[in-house]
Amino acid sequence: MKRYIISTGTVTYAIKGRDLLRQKGYNVKIERITSGKGSAGCGYSIILTGDIAPAEKLLRDAGVKILEINEK
């Protein structure tokens, strides 16, 4: 199965997204990430194992702000 990093920016969005996806049966966790760009600071991401398309739709429909999605 593929793994994805869904960058949310804030811990609030990451927790909301994690909880929503877990309720729907997805294998997810959250991690704090650093941008590596100096002043850009830190953010939070949801690490997802599974199918990204329906998971992304669930998150967006629930109002979770997604900054970017990368395959891991």
PDB file of N, CA and C in Angstrom:
ATOM      1  N   MET A   1       0.832  -1.189   0.000  1.00  0.00           N
ATOM      2  CA  MET A   1       0.000   0.000   0.000  1.00  0.00           C
ATOM      3  C   MET A   1       0.872   1.246   0.000  1.00  0.00           C
ATOM      4  N   LYS A   2       0.384   2.251  -0.652  1.00  0.00           N
ATOM      5  CA  LYS A   2       1.119   3.511  -0.704  1.00  0.00           C
ATOM      6  C   LYS A   2       0.903   4.307   0.572  1.00  0.00           C
ATOM      7  N   ARG A   3       1.904   5.117   0.891  1.00  0.00           N
ATOM      8  CA  ARG A   3       1.821   6.013   2.048  1.00  0.00           C
ATOM      9  C   ARG A   3       1.886   7.451   1.545  1.00  0.00           C
ATOM     10  N   TYR A   4       1.111   8.312   2.195  1.00  0.00           N
ATOM     11  CA  TYR A   4       1.032   9.708   1.796  1.00  0.00           C
ATOM     12  C   TYR A   4       1.250  10.613   3.002  1.00  0.00           C
ATOM     13  N   ILE A   5       1.845  11.764   2.740  1.00  0.00           N
ATOM     14  CA  ILE A   5       2.012  12.801   3.747  1.00  0.00           C
ATOM     15  C   ILE A   5       1.072  13.937   3.361  1.00  0.00           C
ATOM     16  N   ILE A   6       0.083  14.174   4.207  1.00  0.00           N
ATOM     17  CA  ILE A   6      -0.901  15.228   3.970  1.00  0.00           C
ATOM     18  C   ILE A   6      -0.557  16.378   4.910  1.00  0.00           C
ATOM     19  N   SER A   7       0.008  17.433   4.372  1.00  0.00           N
ATOM     20  CA  SER A   7       0.425  18.581   5.189  1.00  0.00           C
ATOM     21  C   SER A   7      -0.781  19.457   5.493  1.00  0.00           C
ATOM     22  N   THR A   8      -0.987  19.707   6.799  1.00  0.00           N
ATOM     23  CA  THR A   8      -2.130  20.512   7.228  1.00  0.00           C
ATOM     24  C   THR A   8      -1.716  21.856   7.801  1.00  0.00           C
ATOM     25  N   GLY A   9      -0.483  21.962   8.262  1.00  0.00           N
ATOM     26  CA  GLY A   9      -0.017  23.237   8.804  1.00  0.00           C
ATOM     27  C   GLY A   9      -0.220  23.391  10.293  1.00  0.00           C
ATOM     28  N   THR A  10      -1.400  23.024  10.804  1.00  0.00           N
ATOM     29  CA  THR A  10      -1.651  23.194  12.239  1.00  0.00           C
ATOM     30  C   THR A  10      -1.995  21.861  12.888  1.00  0.00           C
ATOM     31  N   VAL A  11      -1.714  21.773  14.172  1.00  0.00           N
ATOM     32  CA  VAL A  11      -2.023  20.554  14.915  1.00  0.00           C
ATOM     33  C   VAL A  11      -3.540  20.352  15.002  1.00  0.00           C
ATOM     34  N   THR A  12      -4.305  21.429  15.035  1.00  0.00           N
ATOM     35  CA  THR A  12      -5.766  21.322  15.113  1.00  0.00           C
ATOM     36  C   THR A  12      -6.328  20.599  13.893  1.00  0.00           C
ATOM     37  N   TYR A  13      -5.903  21.020  12.703  1.00  0.00           N
ATOM     38  CA  TYR A  13      -6.357  20.349  11.482  1.00  0.00           C
ATOM     39  C   TYR A  13      -5.853  18.909  11.426  1.00  0.00           C
ATOM     40  N   ALA A  14      -4.630  18.685  11.853  1.00  0.00           N
ATOM     41  CA  ALA A  14      -4.062  17.335  11.822  1.00  0.00           C
ATOM     42  C   ALA A  14      -4.849  16.392  12.728  1.00  0.00           C
ATOM     43  N   ILE A  15      -5.177  16.831  13.929  1.00  0.00           N
ATOM     44  CA  ILE A  15      -5.940  15.988  14.861  1.00  0.00           C
ATOM     45  C   ILE A  15      -7.352  15.748  14.343  1.00  0.00           C
ATOM     46  N   LYS A  16      -7.989  16.798  13.847  1.00  0.00           N
ATOM     47  CA  LYS A  16      -9.338  16.657  13.290  1.00  0.00           C
ATOM     48  C   LYS A  16      -9.331  15.658  12.135  1.00  0.00           C
ATOM     49  N   GLY A  17      -8.362  15.789  11.240  1.00  0.00           N
ATOM     50  CA  GLY A  17      -8.255  14.882  10.099  1.00  0.00           C
ATOM     51  C   GLY A  17      -7.951  13.460  10.514  1.00  0.00           C
ATOM     52  N   ARG A  18      -7.010  13.305  11.446  1.00  0.00           N
ATOM     53  CA  ARG A  18      -6.656  11.967  11.935  1.00  0.00           C
ATOM     54  C   ARG A  18      -7.877  11.272  12.524  1.00  0.00           C
ATOM     55  N   ASP A  19      -8.596  11.969  13.386  1.00  0.00           N
ATOM     56  CA  ASP A  19      -9.754  11.376  14.039  1.00  0.00           C
ATOM     57  C   ASP A  19     -10.842  10.997  13.038  1.00  0.00           C
ATOM     58  N   LEU A  20     -11.093  11.872  12.076  1.00  0.00           N
ATOM     59  CA  LEU A  20     -12.094  11.595  11.047  1.00  0.00           C
ATOM     60  C   LEU A  20     -11.713  10.366  10.228  1.00  0.00           C
ATOM     61  N   LEU A  21     -10.460  10.325   9.786  1.00  0.00           N
ATOM     62  CA  LEU A  21     -10.027   9.196   8.952  1.00  0.00           C
ATOM     63  C   LEU A  21     -10.004   7.889   9.741  1.00  0.00           C
ATOM     64  N   ARG A  22      -9.632   7.929  11.005  1.00  0.00           N
ATOM     65  CA  ARG A  22      -9.658   6.715  11.836  1.00  0.00           C
ATOM     66  C   ARG A  22     -11.079   6.192  11.985  1.00  0.00           C
ATOM     67  N   GLN A  23     -12.041   7.090  12.138  1.00  0.00           N
ATOM     68  CA  GLN A  23     -13.447   6.681  12.245  1.00  0.00           C
ATOM     69  C   GLN A  23     -13.911   5.960  10.984  1.00  0.00           C
ATOM     70  N   LYS A  24     -13.304   6.314   9.859  1.00  0.00           N
ATOM     71  CA  LYS A  24     -13.665   5.700   8.579  1.00  0.00           C
ATOM     72  C   LYS A  24     -12.803   4.476   8.256  1.00  0.00           C
ATOM     73  N   GLY A  25     -11.934   4.067   9.185  1.00  0.00           N
ATOM     74  CA  GLY A  25     -11.164   2.845   9.020  1.00  0.00           C
ATOM     75  C   GLY A  25      -9.788   2.995   8.400  1.00  0.00           C
ATOM     76  N   TYR A  26      -9.309   4.216   8.239  1.00  0.00           N
ATOM     77  CA  TYR A  26      -7.983   4.438   7.655  1.00  0.00           C
ATOM     78  C   TYR A  26      -6.895   4.264   8.713  1.00  0.00           C
ATOM     79  N   ASN A  27      -5.738   3.810   8.267  1.00  0.00           N
ATOM     80  CA  ASN A  27      -4.556   3.701   9.113  1.00  0.00           C
ATOM     81  C   ASN A  27      -3.795   5.019   8.991  1.00  0.00           C
ATOM     82  N   VAL A  28      -3.882   5.861  10.030  1.00  0.00           N
ATOM     83  CA  VAL A  28      -3.267   7.187   9.987  1.00  0.00           C
ATOM     84  C   VAL A  28      -2.577   7.521  11.304  1.00  0.00           C
ATOM     85  N   LYS A  29      -1.639   8.450  11.226  1.00  0.00           N
ATOM     86  CA  LYS A  29      -1.010   9.036  12.408  1.00  0.00           C
ATOM     87  C   LYS A  29      -0.630  10.457  12.047  1.00  0.00           C
ATOM     88  N   ILE A  30      -0.302  11.269  13.064  1.00  0.00           N
ATOM     89  CA  ILE A  30       0.151  12.625  12.780  1.00  0.00           C
ATOM     90  C   ILE A  30       1.606  12.764  13.215  1.00  0.00           C
ATOM     91  N   GLU A  31       2.305  13.634  12.513  1.00  0.00           N
ATOM     92  CA  GLU A  31       3.707  13.917  12.816  1.00  0.00           C
ATOM     93  C   GLU A  31       3.957  15.405  12.685  1.00  0.00           C
ATOM     94  N   ARG A  32       4.844  15.898  13.520  1.00  0.00           N
ATOM     95  CA  ARG A  32       5.290  17.284  13.390  1.00  0.00           C
ATOM     96  C   ARG A  32       6.399  17.304  12.355  1.00  0.00           C
ATOM     97  N   ILE A  33       6.332  18.259  11.463  1.00  0.00           N
ATOM     98  CA  ILE A  33       7.340  18.349  10.409  1.00  0.00           C
ATOM     99  C   ILE A  33       7.984  19.724  10.438  1.00  0.00           C
ATOM    100  N   THR A  34       9.197  19.782   9.958  1.00  0.00           N
ATOM    101  CA  THR A  34       9.868  21.068   9.787  1.00  0.00           C
ATOM    102  C   THR A  34      10.084  21.274   8.305  1.00  0.00           C
ATOM    103  N   SER A  35       9.972  22.493   7.882  1.00  0.00           N
ATOM    104  CA  SER A  35      10.056  22.790   6.455  1.00  0.00           C
ATOM    105  C   SER A  35      11.479  22.762   5.924  1.00  0.00           C
ATOM    106  N   GLY A  36      12.433  23.034   6.800  1.00  0.00           N
ATOM    107  CA  GLY A  36      13.811  23.109   6.337  1.00  0.00           C
ATOM    108  C   GLY A  36      14.115  24.386   5.573  1.00  0.00           C
ATOM    109  N   LYS A  37      13.213  25.366   5.644  1.00  0.00           N
ATOM    110  CA  LYS A  37      13.382  26.614   4.897  1.00  0.00           C
ATOM    111  C   LYS A  37      13.620  27.801   5.824  1.00  0.00           C
ATOM    112  N   GLY A  38      14.206  27.543   6.966  1.00  0.00           N
ATOM    113  CA  GLY A  38      14.529  28.635   7.882  1.00  0.00           C
ATOM    114  C   GLY A  38      13.337  29.230   8.577  1.00  0.00           C
ATOM    115  N   SER A  39      12.856  30.368   8.127  1.00  0.00           N
ATOM    116  CA  SER A  39      11.794  31.086   8.816  1.00  0.00           C
ATOM    117  C   SER A  39      10.395  30.539   8.563  1.00  0.00           C
ATOM    118  N   ALA A  40      10.267  29.545   7.692  1.00  0.00           N
ATOM    119  CA  ALA A  40       8.941  29.008   7.383  1.00  0.00           C
ATOM    120  C   ALA A  40       8.338  28.256   8.558  1.00  0.00           C
ATOM    121  N   GLY A  41       9.164  27.838   9.522  1.00  0.00           N
ATOM    122  CA  GLY A  41       8.649  27.225  10.734  1.00  0.00           C
ATOM    123  C   GLY A  41       8.269  25.775  10.591  1.00  0.00           C
ATOM    124  N   CYS A  42       7.393  25.329  11.491  1.00  0.00           N
ATOM    125  CA  CYS A  42       6.983  23.937  11.566  1.00  0.00           C
ATOM    126  C   CYS A  42       5.522  23.799  11.191  1.00  0.00           C
ATOM    127  N   GLY A  43       5.139  22.581  10.934  1.00  0.00           N
ATOM    128  CA  GLY A  43       3.752  22.279  10.644  1.00  0.00           C
ATOM    129  C   GLY A  43       3.452  20.862  11.072  1.00  0.00           C
ATOM    130  N   TYR A  44       2.260  20.421  10.774  1.00  0.00           N
ATOM    131  CA  TYR A  44       1.840  19.073  11.126  1.00  0.00           C
ATOM    132  C   TYR A  44       1.281  18.391   9.900  1.00  0.00           C
ATOM    133  N   SER A  45       1.490  17.085   9.851  1.00  0.00           N
ATOM    134  CA  SER A  45       1.020  16.293   8.721  1.00  0.00           C
ATOM    135  C   SER A  45       0.315  15.048   9.208  1.00  0.00           C
ATOM    136  N   ILE A  46      -0.592  14.590   8.378  1.00  0.00           N
ATOM    137  CA  ILE A  46      -1.251  13.312   8.576  1.00  0.00           C
ATOM    138  C   ILE A  46      -0.538  12.316   7.675  1.00  0.00           C
ATOM    139  N   ILE A  47      -0.080  11.213   8.254  1.00  0.00           N
ATOM    140  CA  ILE A  47       0.556  10.147   7.482  1.00  0.00           C
ATOM    141  C   ILE A  47      -0.513   9.095   7.240  1.00  0.00           C
ATOM    142  N   LEU A  48      -0.825   8.851   5.983  1.00  0.00           N
ATOM    143  CA  LEU A  48      -1.916   7.956   5.594  1.00  0.00           C
ATOM    144  C   LEU A  48      -1.384   6.771   4.818  1.00  0.00           C
ATOM    145  N   THR A  49      -1.840   5.595   5.170  1.00  0.00           N
ATOM    146  CA  THR A  49      -1.568   4.396   4.388  1.00  0.00           C
ATOM    147  C   THR A  49      -2.891   3.980   3.769  1.00  0.00           C
ATOM    148  N   GLY A  50      -2.937   3.957   2.440  1.00  0.00           N
ATOM    149  CA  GLY A  50      -4.180   3.580   1.772  1.00  0.00           C
ATOM    150  C   GLY A  50      -4.462   4.437   0.554  1.00  0.00           C
ATOM    151  N   ASP A  51      -5.738   4.472   0.176  1.00  0.00           N
ATOM    152  CA  ASP A  51      -6.183   5.181  -1.018  1.00  0.00           C
ATOM    153  C   ASP A  51      -6.390   6.655  -0.695  1.00  0.00           C
ATOM    154  N   ILE A  52      -5.658   7.511  -1.382  1.00  0.00           N
ATOM    155  CA  ILE A  52      -5.672   8.941  -1.067  1.00  0.00           C
ATOM    156  C   ILE A  52      -6.929   9.666  -1.553  1.00  0.00           C
ATOM    157  N   ALA A  53      -7.487   9.282  -2.689  1.00  0.00           N
ATOM    158  CA  ALA A  53      -8.601  10.047  -3.279  1.00  0.00           C
ATOM    159  C   ALA A  53      -9.808  10.160  -2.352  1.00  0.00           C
ATOM    160  N   PRO A  54     -10.356   9.053  -1.842  1.00  0.00           N
ATOM    161  CA  PRO A  54     -11.513   9.216  -0.946  1.00  0.00           C
ATOM    162  C   PRO A  54     -11.143   9.869   0.387  1.00  0.00           C
ATOM    163  N   ALA A  55      -9.928   9.640   0.861  1.00  0.00           N
ATOM    164  CA  ALA A  55      -9.483  10.257   2.111  1.00  0.00           C
ATOM    165  C   ALA A  55      -9.379  11.766   1.944  1.00  0.00           C
ATOM    166  N   GLU A  56      -8.833  12.210   0.832  1.00  0.00           N
ATOM    167  CA  GLU A  56      -8.722  13.646   0.578  1.00  0.00           C
ATOM    168  C   GLU A  56     -10.100  14.295   0.510  1.00  0.00           C
ATOM    169  N   LYS A  57     -11.039  13.634  -0.140  1.00  0.00           N
ATOM    170  CA  LYS A  57     -12.403  14.169  -0.239  1.00  0.00           C
ATOM    171  C   LYS A  57     -13.035  14.288   1.146  1.00  0.00           C
ATOM    172  N   LEU A  58     -12.867  13.265   1.984  1.00  0.00           N
ATOM    173  CA  LEU A  58     -13.393  13.317   3.349  1.00  0.00           C
ATOM    174  C   LEU A  58     -12.833  14.515   4.110  1.00  0.00           C
ATOM    175  N   LEU A  59     -11.523  14.703   4.014  1.00  0.00           N
ATOM    176  CA  LEU A  59     -10.877  15.804   4.728  1.00  0.00           C
ATOM    177  C   LEU A  59     -11.370  17.159   4.235  1.00  0.00           C
ATOM    178  N   ARG A  60     -11.400  17.332   2.926  1.00  0.00           N
ATOM    179  CA  ARG A  60     -11.838  18.623   2.369  1.00  0.00           C
ATOM    180  C   ARG A  60     -13.304  18.907   2.703  1.00  0.00           C
ATOM    181  N   ASP A  61     -14.155  17.870   2.610  1.00  0.00           N
ATOM    182  CA  ASP A  61     -15.574  18.044   2.938  1.00  0.00           C
ATOM    183  C   ASP A  61     -15.773  18.408   4.405  1.00  0.00           C
ATOM    184  N   ALA A  62     -14.854  17.962   5.275  1.00  0.00           N
ATOM    185  CA  ALA A  62     -14.936  18.264   6.710  1.00  0.00           C
ATOM    186  C   ALA A  62     -14.288  19.599   7.061  1.00  0.00           C
ATOM    187  N   GLY A  63     -13.717  20.277   6.064  1.00  0.00           N
ATOM    188  CA  GLY A  63     -13.124  21.585   6.306  1.00  0.00           C
ATOM    189  C   GLY A  63     -11.679  21.561   6.778  1.00  0.00           C
ATOM    190  N   VAL A  64     -11.016  20.415   6.616  1.00  0.00           N
ATOM    191  CA  VAL A  64      -9.603  20.328   6.990  1.00  0.00           C
ATOM    192  C   VAL A  64      -8.783  20.990   5.894  1.00  0.00           C
ATOM    193  N   LYS A  65      -7.998  21.996   6.266  1.00  0.00           N
ATOM    194  CA  LYS A  65      -7.177  22.723   5.295  1.00  0.00           C
ATOM    195  C   LYS A  65      -5.942  21.894   4.948  1.00  0.00           C
ATOM    196  N   ILE A  66      -5.834  21.513   3.682  1.00  0.00           N
ATOM    197  CA  ILE A  66      -4.705  20.719   3.189  1.00  0.00           C
ATOM    198  C   ILE A  66      -3.769  21.643   2.432  1.00  0.00           C
ATOM    199  N   LEU A  67      -2.517  21.684   2.850  1.00  0.00           N
ATOM    200  CA  LEU A  67      -1.522  22.517   2.176  1.00  0.00           C
ATOM    201  C   LEU A  67      -0.919  21.803   0.973  1.00  0.00           C
ATOM    202  N   GLU A  68      -0.594  20.504   1.155  1.00  0.00           N
ATOM    203  CA  GLU A  68      -0.064  19.711   0.050  1.00  0.00           C
ATOM    204  C   GLU A  68      -0.128  18.246   0.415  1.00  0.00           C
ATOM    205  N   ILE A  69      -0.041  17.396  -0.625  1.00  0.00           N
ATOM    206  CA  ILE A  69      -0.033  15.948  -0.439  1.00  0.00           C
ATOM    207  C   ILE A  69       1.153  15.398  -1.207  1.00  0.00           C
ATOM    208  N   ASN A  70       1.972  14.602  -0.513  1.00  0.00           N
ATOM    209  CA  ASN A  70       3.134  13.973  -1.152  1.00  0.00           C
ATOM    210  C   ASN A  70       3.115  12.478  -0.894  1.00  0.00           C
ATOM    211  N   GLU A  71       3.552  11.727  -1.891  1.00  0.00           N
ATOM    212  CA  GLU A  71       3.678  10.289  -1.715  1.00  0.00           C
ATOM    213  C   GLU A  71       4.990   9.994  -1.005  1.00  0.00           C
ATOM    214  N   LYS A  72       4.947   9.113  -0.042  1.00  0.00           N
ATOM    215  CA  LYS A  72       6.129   8.787   0.751  1.00  0.00           C
ATOM    216  C   LYS A  72       6.762   7.516   0.243  1.00  0.00           C
TER     217      LYS A  72
END
